[in-house]
Full PDB file with SEQRES, HELIX, SHEET, SSBOND, CRYST1, ORIGX, SCALE, CONECT and MASTER records, all heavy atoms in Angstrom:
SEQRES   1 A   30  ASN THR PHE PRO THR TRP ASN SER TRP PRO GLY LEU PHE          
SEQRES   2 A   30  ALA SER LEU VAL THR GLY ASN PRO VAL VAL VAL LYS PRO          
SEQRES   3 A   30  HIS PRO GLN ALA                                              
HELIX    1 AA1 TRP A    9  VAL A   17  1                                   9    
CRYST1    1.000    1.000    1.000  90.00  90.00  90.00 P 1           1          
ORIGX1      1.000000  0.000000  0.000000        0.00000                         
ORIGX2      0.000000  1.000000  0.000000        0.00000                         
ORIGX3      0.000000  0.000000  1.000000        0.00000                         
SCALE1      1.000000  0.000000  0.000000        0.00000                         
SCALE2      0.000000  1.000000  0.000000        0.00000                         
SCALE3      0.000000  0.000000  1.000000        0.00000                         
ATOM      1  N   ASN A   1       1.419 -15.895   6.617  1.00  0.00           N  
ATOM      2  CA  ASN A   1       2.244 -16.646   7.542  1.00  0.00           C  
ATOM      3  C   ASN A   1       3.406 -17.335   6.870  1.00  0.00           C  
ATOM      4  O   ASN A   1       4.520 -17.426   7.366  1.00  0.00           O  
ATOM      5  CB  ASN A   1       1.384 -17.688   8.289  1.00  0.00           C  
ATOM      6  CG  ASN A   1       2.014 -18.269   9.523  1.00  0.00           C  
ATOM      7  OD1 ASN A   1       1.357 -18.936  10.284  1.00  0.00           O  
ATOM      8  ND2 ASN A   1       3.297 -18.007   9.762  1.00  0.00           N  
ATOM      9  N   THR A   2       3.134 -17.892   5.650  1.00  0.00           N  
ATOM     10  CA  THR A   2       4.119 -18.740   5.007  1.00  0.00           C  
ATOM     11  C   THR A   2       5.225 -18.056   4.296  1.00  0.00           C  
ATOM     12  O   THR A   2       6.392 -18.521   4.278  1.00  0.00           O  
ATOM     13  CB  THR A   2       3.395 -19.671   4.056  1.00  0.00           C  
ATOM     14  OG1 THR A   2       2.529 -18.908   3.211  1.00  0.00           O  
ATOM     15  CG2 THR A   2       2.581 -20.759   4.806  1.00  0.00           C  
ATOM     16  N   PHE A   3       4.985 -16.919   3.690  1.00  0.00           N  
ATOM     17  CA  PHE A   3       6.017 -16.097   2.935  1.00  0.00           C  
ATOM     18  C   PHE A   3       5.863 -14.646   3.335  1.00  0.00           C  
ATOM     19  O   PHE A   3       5.450 -13.815   2.537  1.00  0.00           O  
ATOM     20  CB  PHE A   3       5.835 -16.334   1.440  1.00  0.00           C  
ATOM     21  CG  PHE A   3       6.263 -17.677   0.992  1.00  0.00           C  
ATOM     22  CD1 PHE A   3       5.351 -18.731   0.993  1.00  0.00           C  
ATOM     23  CD2 PHE A   3       7.554 -17.885   0.558  1.00  0.00           C  
ATOM     24  CE1 PHE A   3       5.741 -19.980   0.570  1.00  0.00           C  
ATOM     25  CE2 PHE A   3       7.973 -19.167   0.111  1.00  0.00           C  
ATOM     26  CZ  PHE A   3       7.074 -20.252   0.135  1.00  0.00           C  
ATOM     27  N   PRO A   4       6.270 -14.331   4.599  1.00  0.00           N  
ATOM     28  CA  PRO A   4       6.021 -12.972   5.067  1.00  0.00           C  
ATOM     29  C   PRO A   4       6.753 -11.868   4.299  1.00  0.00           C  
ATOM     30  O   PRO A   4       6.220 -10.755   4.223  1.00  0.00           O  
ATOM     31  CB  PRO A   4       6.540 -13.061   6.561  1.00  0.00           C  
ATOM     32  CG  PRO A   4       7.405 -14.228   6.604  1.00  0.00           C  
ATOM     33  CD  PRO A   4       6.894 -15.250   5.609  1.00  0.00           C  
ATOM     34  N   THR A   5       7.921 -12.149   3.748  1.00  0.00           N  
ATOM     35  CA  THR A   5       8.618 -11.169   3.001  1.00  0.00           C  
ATOM     36  C   THR A   5       8.354 -11.289   1.473  1.00  0.00           C  
ATOM     37  O   THR A   5       8.035 -10.337   0.865  1.00  0.00           O  
ATOM     38  CB  THR A   5      10.146 -11.233   3.235  1.00  0.00           C  
ATOM     39  OG1 THR A   5      10.600 -12.559   3.002  1.00  0.00           O  
ATOM     40  CG2 THR A   5      10.475 -10.837   4.678  1.00  0.00           C  
ATOM     41  N   TRP A   6       8.477 -12.490   0.957  1.00  0.00           N  
ATOM     42  CA  TRP A   6       8.355 -12.722  -0.459  1.00  0.00           C  
ATOM     43  C   TRP A   6       6.988 -12.185  -1.008  1.00  0.00           C  
ATOM     44  O   TRP A   6       6.901 -11.638  -2.065  1.00  0.00           O  
ATOM     45  CB  TRP A   6       8.492 -14.218  -0.812  1.00  0.00           C  
ATOM     46  CG  TRP A   6       8.836 -14.499  -2.210  1.00  0.00           C  
ATOM     47  CD1 TRP A   6      10.056 -14.727  -2.757  1.00  0.00           C  
ATOM     48  CD2 TRP A   6       7.896 -14.678  -3.294  1.00  0.00           C  
ATOM     49  NE1 TRP A   6       9.962 -14.997  -4.046  1.00  0.00           N  
ATOM     50  CE2 TRP A   6       8.674 -14.998  -4.463  1.00  0.00           C  
ATOM     51  CE3 TRP A   6       6.479 -14.592  -3.397  1.00  0.00           C  
ATOM     52  CZ2 TRP A   6       8.029 -15.213  -5.710  1.00  0.00           C  
ATOM     53  CZ3 TRP A   6       5.886 -14.820  -4.647  1.00  0.00           C  
ATOM     54  CH2 TRP A   6       6.644 -15.104  -5.727  1.00  0.00           C  
ATOM     55  N   ASN A   7       5.924 -12.433  -0.184  1.00  0.00           N  
ATOM     56  CA  ASN A   7       4.625 -12.021  -0.658  1.00  0.00           C  
ATOM     57  C   ASN A   7       4.243 -10.593  -0.242  1.00  0.00           C  
ATOM     58  O   ASN A   7       3.243 -10.075  -0.756  1.00  0.00           O  
ATOM     59  CB  ASN A   7       3.545 -12.975  -0.150  1.00  0.00           C  
ATOM     60  CG  ASN A   7       3.346 -14.221  -1.038  1.00  0.00           C  
ATOM     61  OD1 ASN A   7       3.573 -15.302  -0.624  1.00  0.00           O  
ATOM     62  ND2 ASN A   7       2.895 -13.954  -2.273  1.00  0.00           N  
ATOM     63  N   SER A   8       4.970  -9.979   0.683  1.00  0.00           N  
ATOM     64  CA  SER A   8       4.625  -8.657   1.126  1.00  0.00           C  
ATOM     65  C   SER A   8       5.501  -7.538   0.485  1.00  0.00           C  
ATOM     66  O   SER A   8       5.008  -6.429   0.239  1.00  0.00           O  
ATOM     67  CB  SER A   8       4.792  -8.545   2.666  1.00  0.00           C  
ATOM     68  OG  SER A   8       3.876  -9.383   3.298  1.00  0.00           O  
ATOM     69  N   TRP A   9       6.725  -7.878   0.228  1.00  0.00           N  
ATOM     70  CA  TRP A   9       7.638  -6.794  -0.302  1.00  0.00           C  
ATOM     71  C   TRP A   9       7.221  -6.249  -1.622  1.00  0.00           C  
ATOM     72  O   TRP A   9       7.339  -5.041  -1.804  1.00  0.00           O  
ATOM     73  CB  TRP A   9       9.043  -7.321  -0.331  1.00  0.00           C  
ATOM     74  CG  TRP A   9       9.725  -7.391   1.063  1.00  0.00           C  
ATOM     75  CD1 TRP A   9       9.142  -6.962   2.273  1.00  0.00           C  
ATOM     76  CD2 TRP A   9      11.037  -7.879   1.398  1.00  0.00           C  
ATOM     77  NE1 TRP A   9      10.035  -7.202   3.290  1.00  0.00           N  
ATOM     78  CE2 TRP A   9      11.146  -7.766   2.774  1.00  0.00           C  
ATOM     79  CE3 TRP A   9      12.039  -8.479   0.629  1.00  0.00           C  
ATOM     80  CZ2 TRP A   9      12.330  -8.161   3.400  1.00  0.00           C  
ATOM     81  CZ3 TRP A   9      13.198  -8.852   1.259  1.00  0.00           C  
ATOM     82  CH2 TRP A   9      13.367  -8.693   2.627  1.00  0.00           C  
ATOM     83  N   PRO A  10       6.772  -7.053  -2.593  1.00  0.00           N  
ATOM     84  CA  PRO A  10       6.401  -6.414  -3.870  1.00  0.00           C  
ATOM     85  C   PRO A  10       5.362  -5.344  -3.707  1.00  0.00           C  
ATOM     86  O   PRO A  10       5.483  -4.277  -4.238  1.00  0.00           O  
ATOM     87  CB  PRO A  10       5.872  -7.632  -4.679  1.00  0.00           C  
ATOM     88  CG  PRO A  10       6.645  -8.770  -4.125  1.00  0.00           C  
ATOM     89  CD  PRO A  10       6.718  -8.522  -2.680  1.00  0.00           C  
ATOM     90  N   GLY A  11       4.272  -5.637  -2.984  1.00  0.00           N  
ATOM     91  CA  GLY A  11       3.228  -4.614  -2.819  1.00  0.00           C  
ATOM     92  C   GLY A  11       3.695  -3.408  -1.984  1.00  0.00           C  
ATOM     93  O   GLY A  11       3.363  -2.275  -2.255  1.00  0.00           O  
ATOM     94  N   LEU A  12       4.469  -3.747  -0.917  1.00  0.00           N  
ATOM     95  CA  LEU A  12       4.981  -2.637  -0.090  1.00  0.00           C  
ATOM     96  C   LEU A  12       5.791  -1.645  -0.922  1.00  0.00           C  
ATOM     97  O   LEU A  12       5.572  -0.472  -0.870  1.00  0.00           O  
ATOM     98  CB  LEU A  12       5.841  -3.239   1.052  1.00  0.00           C  
ATOM     99  CG  LEU A  12       6.306  -2.359   2.174  1.00  0.00           C  
ATOM    100  CD1 LEU A  12       6.825  -3.256   3.340  1.00  0.00           C  
ATOM    101  CD2 LEU A  12       7.404  -1.357   1.818  1.00  0.00           C  
ATOM    102  N   PHE A  13       6.749  -2.181  -1.676  1.00  0.00           N  
ATOM    103  CA  PHE A  13       7.620  -1.275  -2.454  1.00  0.00           C  
ATOM    104  C   PHE A  13       6.955  -0.701  -3.666  1.00  0.00           C  
ATOM    105  O   PHE A  13       7.257   0.438  -4.050  1.00  0.00           O  
ATOM    106  CB  PHE A  13       8.923  -1.991  -2.773  1.00  0.00           C  
ATOM    107  CG  PHE A  13       9.841  -2.157  -1.636  1.00  0.00           C  
ATOM    108  CD1 PHE A  13       9.836  -3.342  -0.853  1.00  0.00           C  
ATOM    109  CD2 PHE A  13      10.681  -1.111  -1.204  1.00  0.00           C  
ATOM    110  CE1 PHE A  13      10.689  -3.417   0.272  1.00  0.00           C  
ATOM    111  CE2 PHE A  13      11.493  -1.217  -0.111  1.00  0.00           C  
ATOM    112  CZ  PHE A  13      11.473  -2.412   0.634  1.00  0.00           C  
ATOM    113  N   ALA A  14       5.992  -1.436  -4.290  1.00  0.00           N  
ATOM    114  CA  ALA A  14       5.271  -0.851  -5.408  1.00  0.00           C  
ATOM    115  C   ALA A  14       4.478   0.364  -4.938  1.00  0.00           C  
ATOM    116  O   ALA A  14       4.361   1.372  -5.664  1.00  0.00           O  
ATOM    117  CB  ALA A  14       4.392  -1.886  -6.037  1.00  0.00           C  
ATOM    118  N   SER A  15       3.877   0.263  -3.758  1.00  0.00           N  
ATOM    119  CA  SER A  15       3.121   1.402  -3.246  1.00  0.00           C  
ATOM    120  C   SER A  15       3.992   2.468  -2.729  1.00  0.00           C  
ATOM    121  O   SER A  15       3.719   3.678  -3.009  1.00  0.00           O  
ATOM    122  CB  SER A  15       2.204   0.900  -2.097  1.00  0.00           C  
ATOM    123  OG  SER A  15       1.131   0.109  -2.618  1.00  0.00           O  
ATOM    124  N   LEU A  16       5.062   2.200  -2.038  1.00  0.00           N  
ATOM    125  CA  LEU A  16       5.879   3.224  -1.434  1.00  0.00           C  
ATOM    126  C   LEU A  16       6.591   4.032  -2.532  1.00  0.00           C  
ATOM    127  O   LEU A  16       6.586   5.310  -2.471  1.00  0.00           O  
ATOM    128  CB  LEU A  16       6.921   2.596  -0.498  1.00  0.00           C  
ATOM    129  CG  LEU A  16       7.786   3.559   0.290  1.00  0.00           C  
ATOM    130  CD1 LEU A  16       6.979   4.382   1.238  1.00  0.00           C  
ATOM    131  CD2 LEU A  16       8.894   2.778   1.067  1.00  0.00           C  
ATOM    132  N   VAL A  17       7.146   3.350  -3.506  1.00  0.00           N  
ATOM    133  CA  VAL A  17       7.904   4.083  -4.542  1.00  0.00           C  
ATOM    134  C   VAL A  17       7.021   5.000  -5.412  1.00  0.00           C  
ATOM    135  O   VAL A  17       7.502   5.977  -5.959  1.00  0.00           O  
ATOM    136  CB  VAL A  17       8.660   3.065  -5.400  1.00  0.00           C  
ATOM    137  CG1 VAL A  17       7.809   2.384  -6.379  1.00  0.00           C  
ATOM    138  CG2 VAL A  17       9.834   3.744  -6.156  1.00  0.00           C  
ATOM    139  N   THR A  18       5.733   4.689  -5.487  1.00  0.00           N  
ATOM    140  CA  THR A  18       4.794   5.500  -6.273  1.00  0.00           C  
ATOM    141  C   THR A  18       4.157   6.601  -5.434  1.00  0.00           C  
ATOM    142  O   THR A  18       3.248   7.285  -5.876  1.00  0.00           O  
ATOM    143  CB  THR A  18       3.712   4.628  -6.899  1.00  0.00           C  
ATOM    144  OG1 THR A  18       3.093   3.779  -5.875  1.00  0.00           O  
ATOM    145  CG2 THR A  18       4.252   3.784  -8.015  1.00  0.00           C  
ATOM    146  N   GLY A  19       4.663   6.757  -4.164  1.00  0.00           N  
ATOM    147  CA  GLY A  19       4.270   7.929  -3.376  1.00  0.00           C  
ATOM    148  C   GLY A  19       3.301   7.707  -2.252  1.00  0.00           C  
ATOM    149  O   GLY A  19       2.919   8.653  -1.585  1.00  0.00           O  
ATOM    150  N   ASN A  20       2.886   6.447  -2.040  1.00  0.00           N  
ATOM    151  CA  ASN A  20       1.880   6.164  -1.013  1.00  0.00           C  
ATOM    152  C   ASN A  20       2.522   5.770   0.285  1.00  0.00           C  
ATOM    153  O   ASN A  20       3.428   4.913   0.337  1.00  0.00           O  
ATOM    154  CB  ASN A  20       1.022   4.983  -1.556  1.00  0.00           C  
ATOM    155  CG  ASN A  20       0.416   5.212  -2.928  1.00  0.00           C  
ATOM    156  OD1 ASN A  20      -0.571   5.872  -3.044  1.00  0.00           O  
ATOM    157  ND2 ASN A  20       1.058   4.670  -3.921  1.00  0.00           N  
ATOM    158  N   PRO A  21       1.995   6.284   1.386  1.00  0.00           N  
ATOM    159  CA  PRO A  21       2.418   5.722   2.657  1.00  0.00           C  
ATOM    160  C   PRO A  21       1.887   4.305   2.856  1.00  0.00           C  
ATOM    161  O   PRO A  21       0.857   3.987   2.323  1.00  0.00           O  
ATOM    162  CB  PRO A  21       1.794   6.686   3.679  1.00  0.00           C  
ATOM    163  CG  PRO A  21       0.682   7.351   2.992  1.00  0.00           C  
ATOM    164  CD  PRO A  21       1.020   7.349   1.531  1.00  0.00           C  
ATOM    165  N   VAL A  22       2.610   3.499   3.618  1.00  0.00           N  
ATOM    166  CA  VAL A  22       2.261   2.079   3.713  1.00  0.00           C  
ATOM    167  C   VAL A  22       2.118   1.672   5.163  1.00  0.00           C  
ATOM    168  O   VAL A  22       2.986   1.895   5.978  1.00  0.00           O  
ATOM    169  CB  VAL A  22       3.318   1.200   3.015  1.00  0.00           C  
ATOM    170  CG1 VAL A  22       2.949  -0.267   3.082  1.00  0.00           C  
ATOM    171  CG2 VAL A  22       3.571   1.625   1.539  1.00  0.00           C  
ATOM    172  N   VAL A  23       0.986   1.097   5.437  1.00  0.00           N  
ATOM    173  CA  VAL A  23       0.744   0.390   6.736  1.00  0.00           C  
ATOM    174  C   VAL A  23       0.923  -1.087   6.538  1.00  0.00           C  
ATOM    175  O   VAL A  23       0.193  -1.693   5.675  1.00  0.00           O  
ATOM    176  CB  VAL A  23      -0.657   0.709   7.287  1.00  0.00           C  
ATOM    177  CG1 VAL A  23      -0.951  -0.085   8.592  1.00  0.00           C  
ATOM    178  CG2 VAL A  23      -0.832   2.220   7.532  1.00  0.00           C  
ATOM    179  N   VAL A  24       1.844  -1.698   7.270  1.00  0.00           N  
ATOM    180  CA  VAL A  24       2.158  -3.139   7.119  1.00  0.00           C  
ATOM    181  C   VAL A  24       1.460  -3.879   8.242  1.00  0.00           C  
ATOM    182  O   VAL A  24       1.811  -3.671   9.431  1.00  0.00           O  
ATOM    183  CB  VAL A  24       3.660  -3.356   7.169  1.00  0.00           C  
ATOM    184  CG1 VAL A  24       3.960  -4.860   7.033  1.00  0.00           C  
ATOM    185  CG2 VAL A  24       4.351  -2.564   6.003  1.00  0.00           C  
ATOM    186  N   LYS A  25       0.490  -4.714   7.910  1.00  0.00           N  
ATOM    187  CA  LYS A  25      -0.278  -5.480   8.876  1.00  0.00           C  
ATOM    188  C   LYS A  25       0.212  -6.950   8.733  1.00  0.00           C  
ATOM    189  O   LYS A  25      -0.309  -7.690   7.884  1.00  0.00           O  
ATOM    190  CB  LYS A  25      -1.761  -5.366   8.635  1.00  0.00           C  
ATOM    191  CG  LYS A  25      -2.623  -5.517   9.852  1.00  0.00           C  
ATOM    192  CD  LYS A  25      -2.580  -6.887  10.517  1.00  0.00           C  
ATOM    193  CE  LYS A  25      -3.141  -7.998   9.670  1.00  0.00           C  
ATOM    194  NZ  LYS A  25      -3.080  -9.353  10.358  1.00  0.00           N  
ATOM    195  N   PRO A  26       1.102  -7.395   9.539  1.00  0.00           N  
ATOM    196  CA  PRO A  26       1.653  -8.767   9.360  1.00  0.00           C  
ATOM    197  C   PRO A  26       0.642  -9.809   9.923  1.00  0.00           C  
ATOM    198  O   PRO A  26      -0.222  -9.493  10.733  1.00  0.00           O  
ATOM    199  CB  PRO A  26       2.934  -8.752  10.202  1.00  0.00           C  
ATOM    200  CG  PRO A  26       2.731  -7.687  11.258  1.00  0.00           C  
ATOM    201  CD  PRO A  26       1.833  -6.664  10.615  1.00  0.00           C  
ATOM    202  N   HIS A  27       0.860 -11.030   9.517  1.00  0.00           N  
ATOM    203  CA  HIS A  27       0.131 -12.170  10.096  1.00  0.00           C  
ATOM    204  C   HIS A  27       0.586 -12.262  11.583  1.00  0.00           C  
ATOM    205  O   HIS A  27       1.830 -12.159  11.805  1.00  0.00           O  
ATOM    206  CB  HIS A  27       0.414 -13.448   9.305  1.00  0.00           C  
ATOM    207  CG  HIS A  27      -0.403 -14.594   9.687  1.00  0.00           C  
ATOM    208  ND1 HIS A  27      -0.228 -15.296  10.927  1.00  0.00           N  
ATOM    209  CD2 HIS A  27      -1.504 -15.189   9.116  1.00  0.00           C  
ATOM    210  CE1 HIS A  27      -1.145 -16.243  10.990  1.00  0.00           C  
ATOM    211  NE2 HIS A  27      -1.943 -16.201   9.932  1.00  0.00           N  
ATOM    212  N   PRO A  28      -0.296 -12.523  12.494  1.00  0.00           N  
ATOM    213  CA  PRO A  28       0.155 -12.588  13.886  1.00  0.00           C  
ATOM    214  C   PRO A  28       1.223 -13.627  14.197  1.00  0.00           C  
ATOM    215  O   PRO A  28       2.000 -13.454  15.136  1.00  0.00           O  
ATOM    216  CB  PRO A  28      -1.159 -12.920  14.631  1.00  0.00           C  
ATOM    217  CG  PRO A  28      -2.245 -12.389  13.786  1.00  0.00           C  
ATOM    218  CD  PRO A  28      -1.745 -12.610  12.383  1.00  0.00           C  
ATOM    219  N   GLN A  29       1.331 -14.652  13.337  1.00  0.00           N  
ATOM    220  CA  GLN A  29       2.380 -15.673  13.555  1.00  0.00           C  
ATOM    221  C   GLN A  29       3.686 -15.323  12.816  1.00  0.00           C  
ATOM    222  O   GLN A  29       4.668 -16.062  12.960  1.00  0.00           O  
ATOM    223  CB  GLN A  29       1.849 -17.000  13.069  1.00  0.00           C  
ATOM    224  CG  GLN A  29       0.796 -17.603  13.947  1.00  0.00           C  
ATOM    225  CD  GLN A  29       1.305 -18.046  15.293  1.00  0.00           C  
ATOM    226  OE1 GLN A  29       2.498 -18.285  15.443  1.00  0.00           O  
ATOM    227  NE2 GLN A  29       0.415 -18.201  16.272  1.00  0.00           N  
ATOM    228  N   ALA A  30       3.683 -14.265  12.046  1.00  0.00           N  
ATOM    229  CA  ALA A  30       4.904 -13.930  11.245  1.00  0.00           C  
ATOM    230  C   ALA A  30       5.120 -12.435  11.238  1.00  0.00           C  
ATOM    231  O   ALA A  30       5.055 -11.802  10.175  1.00  0.00           O  
ATOM    232  CB  ALA A  30       4.763 -14.502   9.885  1.00  0.00           C  
TER     233      ALA A  30                                                      
MASTER        0    0    0    1    0    0    0    6  232    1    0    3          
END                                                                             
């Protein structure tokens, strides 16, 4: 909830760039 991009983007892009499809499950409030 508190850092929806800062805490999500590193893992998202680390996984995507290494070839993995990514499912993004956000916090319901963010």
